Protein backbone atom coordinates (compact mmCIF):
# COMPACT_ATOMS: atom_id res chain seq x y z
CA MET A 1 0.06 0.17 -0.14
CA SER A 2 1.32 3.42 -0.84
CA GLY A 3 2.00 6.07 1.77
CA ALA A 4 -0.90 8.15 0.73
CA ALA A 5 -3.28 5.16 0.86
CA ASP A 6 -1.89 4.07 4.14
CA ARG A 7 -2.62 7.84 5.62
CA LEU A 8 -6.29 7.70 4.06
CA HIS A 9 -6.99 4.39 5.79
CA ARG A 10 -5.59 5.65 9.26
CA HIS A 11 -7.66 8.94 8.75
CA TRP A 12 -10.91 6.75 8.46
CA ARG A 13 -9.94 4.15 10.98
CA ARG A 14 -9.14 6.78 13.87
CA GLY A 15 -11.39 9.49 12.65
CA ARG A 16 -14.43 10.63 14.90
CA LEU A 17 -15.81 14.04 13.97
CA VAL A 18 -16.58 13.58 10.13
CA PRO A 19 -17.84 9.89 10.53
CA ALA A 20 -20.15 10.95 13.24
CA VAL A 21 -21.53 13.95 11.58
CA TYR A 22 -21.99 11.75 8.22
CA ASP A 23 -23.82 8.98 10.02
CA PHE A 24 -26.02 11.44 11.96
CA GLY A 25 -27.08 12.87 8.81
CA ALA A 26 -27.59 9.65 7.11
CA GLU A 27 -29.78 8.33 9.90
CA HIS A 28 -32.16 11.39 9.71
CA GLU A 29 -33.59 11.28 6.23
CA PRO A 30 -34.86 14.82 6.46
CA ILE A 31 -31.36 16.16 7.47
CA ALA A 32 -29.85 14.21 4.59
CA ARG A 33 -32.12 15.41 1.95
CA LEU A 34 -31.44 18.92 2.88
CA GLY A 35 -27.50 18.51 2.93
CA GLY A 36 -27.63 16.49 -0.11
CA ARG A 37 -29.54 19.42 -2.06
CA LEU A 38 -27.34 22.26 -0.57
CA LEU A 39 -24.08 20.54 -0.76
CA TRP A 40 -24.14 18.13 -3.70
CA GLY A 41 -27.27 19.33 -5.82
CA ALA A 42 -28.77 15.93 -5.09
CA ASP A 43 -32.17 14.50 -4.65
CA MET A 44 -31.38 11.85 -1.83
CA ARG A 45 -34.64 9.95 -2.47
CA PRO A 46 -33.16 7.56 -5.05
CA LEU A 47 -30.62 6.61 -2.35
CA TYR A 48 -33.31 5.80 0.35
CA ASP A 49 -35.25 4.06 -2.26
CA SER A 50 -31.85 1.88 -3.06
CA PHE A 51 -31.87 1.03 0.82
CA ALA A 52 -35.26 -0.33 0.51
CA GLU A 53 -34.47 -2.45 -2.55
CA ALA A 54 -31.38 -3.69 -1.05
CA GLY A 55 -33.48 -5.41 1.65
CA ARG A 56 -35.45 -7.38 -0.82
CA LEU A 57 -33.48 -10.61 -0.60
CA PRO A 58 -34.30 -14.46 -0.97
CA PRO A 59 -34.55 -16.54 2.24
CA GLY A 60 -30.91 -17.66 3.01
CA ALA A 61 -29.21 -14.72 1.16
CA VAL A 62 -25.63 -13.91 2.20
CA VAL A 63 -24.93 -10.10 2.27
CA LEU A 64 -21.58 -7.92 2.69
CA ASP A 65 -22.16 -4.24 3.68
CA VAL A 66 -18.94 -2.56 3.27
CA PRO A 67 -18.16 0.24 4.31
CA CYS A 68 -21.42 -0.17 6.46
CA GLY A 69 -21.00 3.02 8.40
CA GLY A 70 -23.49 3.20 11.26
CA GLY A 71 -25.73 0.65 9.74
CA VAL A 72 -27.77 3.11 7.50
CA ALA A 73 -28.46 0.23 5.00
CA PHE A 74 -30.01 -1.81 7.93
CA ARG A 75 -33.10 0.04 7.44
CA GLY A 76 -34.07 -1.89 4.27
CA VAL A 77 -33.89 -5.36 5.93
CA PRO A 78 -37.01 -6.75 7.30
CA ARG A 79 -36.94 -7.56 10.96
CA GLY A 80 -36.34 -11.29 11.31
CA ALA A 81 -35.45 -11.87 7.75
CA ASP A 82 -33.49 -15.09 7.00
CA LEU A 83 -30.27 -14.28 5.99
CA ARG A 84 -26.49 -13.87 6.67
CA TYR A 85 -25.39 -10.29 7.03
CA VAL A 86 -21.75 -9.24 7.50
CA ALA A 87 -21.08 -5.58 8.17
CA ALA A 88 -17.53 -4.47 7.71
CA ASP A 89 -15.74 -1.15 8.20
CA LEU A 90 -12.35 0.62 8.99
CA SER A 91 -13.90 2.61 11.48
CA ARG A 92 -14.19 1.48 15.10
CA LEU A 93 -16.54 4.17 15.79
CA MET A 94 -18.88 3.43 12.86
CA LEU A 95 -18.62 -0.36 13.76
CA GLY A 96 -19.71 0.30 17.06
CA ARG A 97 -22.62 2.45 15.92
CA ALA A 98 -23.53 0.04 13.63
CA ARG A 99 -23.57 -2.80 16.27
CA ALA A 100 -25.98 -0.56 18.23
CA GLU A 101 -28.40 -0.17 15.05
CA ALA A 102 -28.32 -3.80 14.79
CA ARG A 103 -29.42 -4.53 17.89
CA ARG A 104 -32.13 -1.83 17.68
CA ARG A 105 -33.58 -3.09 14.51
CA GLY A 106 -33.45 -6.67 15.52
CA LEU A 107 -30.84 -7.75 12.88
CA ASP A 108 -28.52 -10.45 13.63
CA ALA A 109 -25.14 -9.48 11.91
CA ALA A 110 -21.40 -10.37 12.03
CA PHE A 111 -19.23 -7.30 12.25
CA ALA A 112 -15.61 -7.00 10.80
CA GLY A 113 -12.92 -4.24 11.01
CA VAL A 114 -11.63 -4.39 7.41
CA SER A 115 -11.53 -2.13 4.56
CA VAL A 116 -13.41 -2.82 1.23
CA ASP A 117 -10.07 -2.82 -0.82
CA ARG A 118 -8.86 -5.83 1.16
CA LEU A 119 -11.63 -8.07 1.84
CA PRO A 120 -10.56 -11.25 3.88
CA PHE A 121 -13.32 -13.30 2.00
CA ALA A 122 -13.00 -16.20 -0.31
CA ASP A 123 -14.15 -15.70 -4.12
CA GLY A 124 -17.82 -16.07 -4.48
CA SER A 125 -18.90 -15.67 -0.76
CA PHE A 126 -21.87 -13.50 -1.16
CA ASP A 127 -25.15 -13.22 -2.98
CA ARG A 128 -25.25 -9.16 -2.51
CA CYS A 129 -22.75 -6.63 -1.86
CA LEU A 130 -23.84 -3.20 -0.65
CA THR A 131 -21.28 -0.38 -0.83
CA TYR A 132 -23.03 3.05 0.16
CA ASN A 133 -21.19 6.43 0.09
CA GLY A 134 -17.89 4.81 0.45
CA LEU A 135 -15.95 4.43 -2.90
CA HIS A 136 -15.17 8.23 -3.00
CA CYS A 137 -13.25 8.01 0.27
CA LEU A 138 -10.94 5.21 -0.98
CA PRO A 139 -7.43 5.64 -2.55
CA ASP A 140 -8.34 3.01 -5.06
CA PRO A 141 -11.96 2.86 -5.94
CA ALA A 142 -11.57 0.85 -9.10
CA GLY A 143 -9.64 -1.67 -7.21
CA ALA A 144 -12.21 -1.79 -4.59
CA VAL A 145 -15.05 -2.52 -7.07
CA THR A 146 -12.86 -5.40 -8.43
CA GLU A 147 -12.49 -6.63 -4.94
CA MET A 148 -16.14 -6.71 -4.25
CA ALA A 149 -16.91 -8.37 -7.54
CA ARG A 150 -14.26 -11.07 -6.60
CA VAL A 151 -16.34 -11.97 -3.37
CA LEU A 152 -19.64 -11.99 -5.15
CA ARG A 153 -21.22 -15.32 -6.52
CA PRO A 154 -22.30 -15.60 -10.03
CA GLY A 155 -25.31 -13.89 -10.18
CA GLY A 156 -24.66 -11.72 -7.28
CA VAL A 157 -25.48 -8.22 -7.23
CA LEU A 158 -23.38 -5.05 -6.33
CA ARG A 159 -25.62 -2.18 -5.20
CA GLY A 160 -24.14 1.11 -4.01
CA SER A 161 -23.93 4.84 -4.33
CA ALA A 162 -20.88 7.24 -4.59
CA LEU A 163 -20.23 10.98 -4.87
CA VAL A 164 -18.90 11.72 -8.23
CA THR A 165 -17.01 14.44 -10.10
CA GLY A 166 -18.32 16.54 -12.94
CA ALA A 167 -21.88 17.51 -11.36
CA GLY A 168 -20.95 21.21 -11.03
CA ARG A 169 -18.14 23.55 -10.41
CA ARG A 170 -19.46 24.09 -6.49
CA GLN A 171 -19.67 20.16 -5.98
CA ASP A 172 -16.06 19.64 -7.60
CA LEU A 173 -14.62 22.53 -5.26
CA LEU A 174 -16.18 20.75 -2.19
CA ILE A 175 -14.81 17.48 -3.38
CA ALA A 176 -11.51 19.01 -3.77
CA LEU A 177 -11.46 20.65 -0.40
CA LEU A 178 -12.45 16.99 1.29
CA ARG A 179 -9.66 15.61 -0.57
CA SER A 180 -7.10 18.08 0.78
CA ARG A 181 -8.22 17.49 4.25
CA GLY A 182 -7.81 13.67 3.77
CA ASP A 183 -11.36 12.94 4.08
CA PHE A 184 -11.91 11.72 0.54
CA GLY A 185 -9.54 9.35 -1.60
CA ARG A 186 -9.71 9.60 -5.53
CA PRO A 187 -13.51 10.12 -6.36
CA GLY A 188 -14.13 9.61 -10.27
CA SER A 189 -16.82 11.01 -12.69
CA LEU A 190 -19.79 9.10 -13.53
CA ALA A 191 -18.12 7.86 -16.74
CA ASP A 192 -15.25 6.27 -14.23
CA LEU A 193 -17.66 4.73 -12.20
CA ARG A 194 -19.29 2.68 -15.09
CA GLY A 195 -15.85 2.14 -16.25
CA TRP A 196 -15.00 0.64 -12.96
CA LEU A 197 -17.94 -1.71 -12.88
CA ASP A 198 -17.15 -2.73 -16.43
CA ASP A 199 -13.70 -3.39 -15.76
CA ALA A 200 -14.51 -5.68 -12.64
CA GLY A 201 -16.54 -7.81 -15.00
CA LEU A 202 -20.11 -6.57 -13.85
CA GLU A 203 -22.85 -5.88 -15.91
CA PRO A 204 -24.48 -2.64 -14.84
CA ALA A 205 -28.18 -2.77 -14.50
CA ASP A 206 -28.79 0.72 -13.56
CA VAL A 207 -26.23 3.73 -12.94
CA THR A 208 -27.92 6.95 -12.55
CA ALA A 209 -27.02 10.48 -11.11
CA THR A 210 -28.66 13.15 -9.31
CA GLY A 211 -26.17 16.17 -8.78
CA ALA A 212 -23.18 14.60 -7.33
CA LEU A 213 -24.69 11.52 -6.09
CA ALA A 214 -24.60 8.32 -8.35
CA CYS A 215 -26.64 5.35 -7.32
CA PHE A 216 -25.76 2.11 -9.28
CA SER A 217 -26.83 -1.63 -9.30
CA ALA A 218 -24.62 -4.38 -11.23
CA VAL A 219 -24.53 -8.22 -11.59
CA LYS A 220 -21.87 -10.43 -11.66
CA PRO A 221 -22.48 -12.82 -14.71
CA GLY A 222 -23.47 -16.27 -13.88
C-alpha cells in the first residue's frame, strides 16, 4: 500500500468527527435530503429507495455491507429476515454505532474491521454486496470494485452509491476541499464509475446520478 493510501486508511480508522457527522445525517432522512440538496445538488430519495430495494433478498441470502458506516442500510432489511449479514468498516466508531443499530432493529449481523479494498473473504462468498457512500473515500475505488466483484457469487448483485465529479463547479470544489483534508480519496466521474463496474466484469443494470450523487446496481454474470 502506498504512503498516501495508508494515511487515508488511518484517517478513517481513527477519525471520529467526520464519520459521526455523516452518520447522524444519514440516519435522519430529512437532514440528509437538505444536506444533499445544499452540498451536492442531489435529490437523496433514490438513495433511500435503494436501501429499501437492497433489503428485498431471498431467504438464506448472504450479504456483505462495506463500508457499513453506522448501519444506515439496515433500514432496508425486514425484522427477522432469514439471511446472513456481514457488516464491515475500517472505523471502530462506525462499527460500534452499527452494532447498536443492528440491536435496535433486531438484525443478527456479524461485524468485521476491514477495508473494502482488502476483503478477507473467499471468492464467491456473497449473494449481495452493498457499498453506500464509500467509494469516494478510497485511494483506489476501481480496485475496491474489483475486490467486491471477486467475493460475489455468479449472479450476485453489487448495489451502492458514491459521490462523483463533474456535477458542477461548486460540487467539484467541495470534493477537492475534502480531498485536501484527507476525508476523500480519489473520486471519479460518472463515466469512471461505469468503467470501474465494466472493468470488474460486472454488468451494470442501472447507473444514475442526481447532482453529485450516483446510485448504481450491477450483476456478476452467472
